[in-house]
């Protein structure tokens, strides 16, 4: 089992060029500090799993904190724009 940097789709490394076909740069396991960049997503890679283990494991699991942050009411388009834009010096980014 290793942890690595991945793109949002979980198909390739978030740091290496696409043409390098990197499937994720492995993060150090020695306790050293890891610097994350905005495009980084962390993934755990498992190797040598049996077919039975693959069938029993879910594709992903939401942490309990994710469920607490999800809104129970539908969001309007205005709410979405407001949540994902930041106003700085009269310009939107």
N, C-alpha and C. Protein backbone atom coordinates (compact mmCIF):
# COMPACT_ATOMS: atom_id res chain seq x y z
N UNK A 1 0.85 -1.16 0.00
CA UNK A 1 0.00 0.00 0.00
C UNK A 1 0.90 1.23 0.00
N UNK A 2 0.59 2.18 -0.88
CA UNK A 2 1.33 3.44 -0.95
C UNK A 2 0.36 4.59 -1.07
N UNK A 3 0.79 5.77 -0.67
CA UNK A 3 -0.01 6.98 -0.88
C UNK A 3 0.71 7.82 -1.93
N UNK A 4 -0.08 8.48 -2.76
CA UNK A 4 0.53 9.22 -3.87
C UNK A 4 -0.31 10.41 -4.28
N UNK A 5 0.29 11.30 -5.08
CA UNK A 5 -0.40 12.44 -5.67
C UNK A 5 -1.15 11.97 -6.90
N UNK A 6 -2.39 12.38 -7.03
CA UNK A 6 -3.21 12.00 -8.19
C UNK A 6 -3.98 13.21 -8.70
N UNK A 7 -4.44 13.12 -9.94
CA UNK A 7 -5.33 14.13 -10.49
C UNK A 7 -6.73 13.88 -9.92
N UNK A 8 -7.64 14.78 -10.19
CA UNK A 8 -8.98 14.68 -9.64
C UNK A 8 -9.71 13.40 -10.09
N UNK A 9 -9.40 12.90 -11.28
CA UNK A 9 -10.04 11.68 -11.77
C UNK A 9 -9.41 10.42 -11.18
N UNK A 10 -8.24 10.55 -10.57
CA UNK A 10 -7.55 9.40 -10.00
C UNK A 10 -6.89 8.51 -11.03
N UNK A 11 -6.60 9.05 -12.20
CA UNK A 11 -6.04 8.25 -13.29
C UNK A 11 -4.55 8.47 -13.49
N UNK A 12 -4.04 9.62 -13.08
CA UNK A 12 -2.64 9.92 -13.32
C UNK A 12 -2.13 10.89 -12.25
N UNK A 13 -0.85 11.15 -12.29
CA UNK A 13 -0.20 12.04 -11.33
C UNK A 13 -0.63 13.49 -11.57
N UNK A 14 -0.78 14.23 -10.49
CA UNK A 14 -1.16 15.63 -10.62
C UNK A 14 0.04 16.54 -10.87
N UNK A 15 1.24 16.01 -10.75
CA UNK A 15 2.43 16.84 -10.89
C UNK A 15 3.22 16.56 -12.16
N UNK A 16 3.23 15.34 -12.62
CA UNK A 16 4.02 14.97 -13.80
C UNK A 16 3.27 15.32 -15.08
N UNK A 17 4.02 15.52 -16.16
CA UNK A 17 3.41 15.78 -17.45
C UNK A 17 2.61 14.56 -17.91
N UNK A 18 1.54 14.81 -18.62
CA UNK A 18 0.67 13.74 -19.12
C UNK A 18 1.45 12.74 -19.98
N UNK A 19 2.41 13.24 -20.75
CA UNK A 19 3.18 12.39 -21.65
C UNK A 19 4.11 11.42 -20.91
N UNK A 20 4.33 11.64 -19.62
CA UNK A 20 5.18 10.73 -18.84
C UNK A 20 4.41 9.49 -18.37
N UNK A 21 3.08 9.53 -18.48
CA UNK A 21 2.22 8.40 -18.09
C UNK A 21 2.46 7.97 -16.65
N UNK A 22 2.73 8.91 -15.77
CA UNK A 22 2.95 8.61 -14.35
C UNK A 22 1.60 8.31 -13.71
N UNK A 23 1.52 7.24 -12.96
CA UNK A 23 0.25 6.87 -12.31
C UNK A 23 0.19 7.37 -10.87
N UNK A 24 1.05 8.31 -10.52
CA UNK A 24 1.03 8.91 -9.20
C UNK A 24 2.38 8.85 -8.52
N UNK A 25 2.95 9.99 -8.19
CA UNK A 25 4.23 10.03 -7.49
C UNK A 25 4.00 9.63 -6.03
N UNK A 26 4.78 8.69 -5.57
CA UNK A 26 4.63 8.15 -4.22
C UNK A 26 5.11 9.19 -3.21
N UNK A 27 4.31 9.38 -2.16
CA UNK A 27 4.67 10.31 -1.09
C UNK A 27 5.62 9.61 -0.12
N UNK A 28 6.55 10.37 0.49
CA UNK A 28 7.49 9.76 1.41
C UNK A 28 6.78 9.19 2.65
N UNK A 29 7.28 8.07 3.15
CA UNK A 29 6.70 7.43 4.32
C UNK A 29 7.54 7.63 5.57
N UNK A 30 8.53 8.51 5.48
CA UNK A 30 9.45 8.69 6.61
C UNK A 30 8.99 9.77 7.58
N UNK A 31 7.78 10.30 7.39
CA UNK A 31 7.27 11.33 8.28
C UNK A 31 7.67 12.73 7.90
N UNK A 32 8.38 12.88 6.79
CA UNK A 32 8.78 14.21 6.35
C UNK A 32 7.57 14.99 5.85
N UNK A 33 7.69 16.29 5.86
CA UNK A 33 6.58 17.17 5.47
C UNK A 33 6.31 17.05 3.98
N UNK A 34 5.03 17.05 3.62
CA UNK A 34 4.61 16.98 2.23
C UNK A 34 3.95 18.30 1.87
N UNK A 35 4.38 18.91 0.79
CA UNK A 35 3.81 20.17 0.33
C UNK A 35 2.78 19.87 -0.75
N UNK A 36 1.54 20.26 -0.50
CA UNK A 36 0.46 20.02 -1.46
C UNK A 36 0.22 21.27 -2.30
N UNK A 37 -0.10 21.05 -3.55
CA UNK A 37 -0.42 22.13 -4.47
C UNK A 37 -1.92 22.09 -4.75
N UNK A 38 -2.50 23.17 -5.29
CA UNK A 38 -3.95 23.21 -5.50
C UNK A 38 -4.52 22.06 -6.33
N UNK A 39 -3.79 21.52 -7.28
CA UNK A 39 -4.32 20.46 -8.13
C UNK A 39 -4.11 19.06 -7.55
N UNK A 40 -3.45 18.97 -6.40
CA UNK A 40 -3.13 17.66 -5.82
C UNK A 40 -4.35 17.03 -5.15
N UNK A 41 -4.46 15.75 -5.32
CA UNK A 41 -5.43 14.92 -4.62
C UNK A 41 -4.65 13.72 -4.09
N UNK A 42 -4.92 13.33 -2.88
CA UNK A 42 -4.21 12.20 -2.30
C UNK A 42 -4.97 10.92 -2.56
N UNK A 43 -4.23 9.89 -2.88
CA UNK A 43 -4.84 8.58 -3.14
C UNK A 43 -4.01 7.51 -2.46
N UNK A 44 -4.65 6.41 -2.14
CA UNK A 44 -3.97 5.25 -1.58
C UNK A 44 -4.04 4.15 -2.63
N UNK A 45 -2.89 3.62 -3.00
CA UNK A 45 -2.83 2.55 -3.99
C UNK A 45 -2.57 1.23 -3.27
N UNK A 46 -3.35 0.24 -3.63
CA UNK A 46 -3.17 -1.10 -3.08
C UNK A 46 -2.65 -2.00 -4.20
N UNK A 47 -1.75 -2.88 -3.88
CA UNK A 47 -1.19 -3.80 -4.85
C UNK A 47 -1.45 -5.23 -4.40
N UNK A 48 -1.56 -6.14 -5.34
CA UNK A 48 -1.71 -7.57 -5.07
C UNK A 48 -2.96 -7.91 -4.26
N UNK A 49 -4.09 -7.29 -4.61
CA UNK A 49 -5.35 -7.64 -3.97
C UNK A 49 -6.00 -8.78 -4.74
N UNK A 50 -6.63 -9.67 -4.01
CA UNK A 50 -7.31 -10.79 -4.67
C UNK A 50 -8.64 -10.30 -5.24
N UNK A 51 -9.25 -11.08 -6.11
CA UNK A 51 -10.53 -10.72 -6.70
C UNK A 51 -11.60 -10.61 -5.62
N UNK A 52 -11.55 -11.47 -4.62
CA UNK A 52 -12.53 -11.43 -3.53
C UNK A 52 -12.39 -10.13 -2.73
N UNK A 53 -11.16 -9.70 -2.48
CA UNK A 53 -10.94 -8.45 -1.75
C UNK A 53 -11.45 -7.25 -2.55
N UNK A 54 -11.27 -7.29 -3.86
CA UNK A 54 -11.75 -6.19 -4.70
C UNK A 54 -13.26 -6.10 -4.70
N UNK A 55 -13.95 -7.23 -4.70
CA UNK A 55 -15.41 -7.23 -4.70
C UNK A 55 -15.96 -6.76 -3.37
N UNK A 56 -15.27 -7.03 -2.28
CA UNK A 56 -15.76 -6.64 -0.95
C UNK A 56 -15.50 -5.17 -0.63
N UNK A 57 -14.52 -4.58 -1.28
CA UNK A 57 -14.17 -3.19 -0.96
C UNK A 57 -15.00 -2.22 -1.80
N UNK A 58 -15.53 -1.18 -1.17
CA UNK A 58 -16.27 -0.17 -1.92
C UNK A 58 -15.31 0.68 -2.75
N UNK A 59 -15.83 1.30 -3.79
CA UNK A 59 -15.01 2.15 -4.65
C UNK A 59 -14.47 3.34 -3.87
N UNK A 60 -15.28 3.94 -3.03
CA UNK A 60 -14.85 5.04 -2.15
C UNK A 60 -15.79 5.08 -0.96
N UNK A 61 -15.35 5.73 0.08
CA UNK A 61 -16.15 5.89 1.29
C UNK A 61 -16.13 7.35 1.68
N UNK A 62 -17.30 7.95 1.86
CA UNK A 62 -17.36 9.33 2.34
C UNK A 62 -17.11 9.34 3.84
N UNK A 63 -16.23 10.23 4.25
CA UNK A 63 -15.99 10.42 5.68
C UNK A 63 -17.23 11.06 6.30
N UNK A 64 -17.46 10.80 7.57
CA UNK A 64 -18.66 11.32 8.23
C UNK A 64 -18.72 12.84 8.18
N UNK A 65 -17.58 13.52 8.16
CA UNK A 65 -17.57 14.98 8.10
C UNK A 65 -18.11 15.49 6.77
N UNK A 66 -17.98 14.70 5.71
CA UNK A 66 -18.49 15.11 4.40
C UNK A 66 -20.02 15.18 4.44
N UNK A 67 -20.64 14.19 5.07
CA UNK A 67 -22.09 14.18 5.16
C UNK A 67 -22.62 15.36 5.98
N UNK A 68 -21.87 15.78 6.99
CA UNK A 68 -22.29 16.91 7.81
C UNK A 68 -22.26 18.22 7.04
N UNK A 69 -21.34 18.34 6.09
CA UNK A 69 -21.20 19.59 5.34
C UNK A 69 -22.11 19.68 4.13
N UNK A 70 -22.71 18.58 3.72
CA UNK A 70 -23.60 18.62 2.56
C UNK A 70 -24.90 19.35 2.92
N UNK A 71 -25.31 20.26 2.06
CA UNK A 71 -26.56 20.97 2.36
C UNK A 71 -27.77 20.05 2.17
N UNK A 72 -28.75 20.24 3.00
CA UNK A 72 -29.98 19.45 2.87
C UNK A 72 -30.95 20.09 1.89
N UNK A 73 -30.81 21.39 1.68
CA UNK A 73 -31.66 22.12 0.74
C UNK A 73 -30.94 22.24 -0.61
N UNK A 74 -31.68 22.22 -1.70
CA UNK A 74 -31.04 22.41 -3.01
C UNK A 74 -30.41 23.81 -3.10
N UNK A 75 -29.29 23.90 -3.80
CA UNK A 75 -28.62 25.18 -3.98
C UNK A 75 -29.10 25.86 -5.26
N UNK A 76 -29.24 27.16 -5.20
CA UNK A 76 -29.57 27.92 -6.41
C UNK A 76 -28.29 28.19 -7.19
N UNK A 77 -28.44 28.62 -8.41
CA UNK A 77 -27.28 28.96 -9.24
C UNK A 77 -26.50 30.10 -8.58
N UNK A 78 -27.22 31.05 -8.00
CA UNK A 78 -26.55 32.16 -7.30
C UNK A 78 -25.70 31.63 -6.15
N UNK A 79 -26.23 30.69 -5.37
CA UNK A 79 -25.48 30.11 -4.25
C UNK A 79 -24.19 29.45 -4.73
N UNK A 80 -24.27 28.76 -5.85
CA UNK A 80 -23.08 28.10 -6.41
C UNK A 80 -22.03 29.12 -6.82
N UNK A 81 -22.45 30.15 -7.55
CA UNK A 81 -21.51 31.19 -7.97
C UNK A 81 -20.89 31.88 -6.76
N UNK A 82 -21.72 32.16 -5.76
CA UNK A 82 -21.23 32.82 -4.56
C UNK A 82 -20.22 31.95 -3.81
N UNK A 83 -20.45 30.66 -3.77
CA UNK A 83 -19.56 29.74 -3.06
C UNK A 83 -18.22 29.57 -3.77
N UNK A 84 -18.18 29.69 -5.09
CA UNK A 84 -16.96 29.40 -5.83
C UNK A 84 -16.28 30.62 -6.44
N UNK A 85 -16.71 31.80 -6.06
CA UNK A 85 -16.02 33.00 -6.52
C UNK A 85 -15.59 33.81 -5.31
N UNK A 86 -14.57 34.57 -5.51
CA UNK A 86 -14.04 35.39 -4.44
C UNK A 86 -13.88 36.80 -4.98
N UNK A 87 -14.37 37.75 -4.25
CA UNK A 87 -14.30 39.12 -4.74
C UNK A 87 -13.10 39.82 -4.11
N UNK A 88 -12.17 40.25 -4.94
CA UNK A 88 -10.98 40.97 -4.52
C UNK A 88 -10.82 42.22 -5.34
N UNK A 89 -10.81 43.38 -4.70
CA UNK A 89 -10.63 44.66 -5.39
C UNK A 89 -11.57 44.82 -6.57
N UNK A 90 -12.84 44.54 -6.38
CA UNK A 90 -13.87 44.70 -7.41
C UNK A 90 -13.70 43.81 -8.62
N UNK A 91 -12.87 42.78 -8.52
CA UNK A 91 -12.71 41.80 -9.59
C UNK A 91 -13.07 40.42 -9.05
N UNK A 92 -13.63 39.61 -9.90
CA UNK A 92 -13.97 38.26 -9.50
C UNK A 92 -12.91 37.29 -10.00
N UNK A 93 -12.54 36.34 -9.17
CA UNK A 93 -11.52 35.36 -9.53
C UNK A 93 -12.10 33.97 -9.38
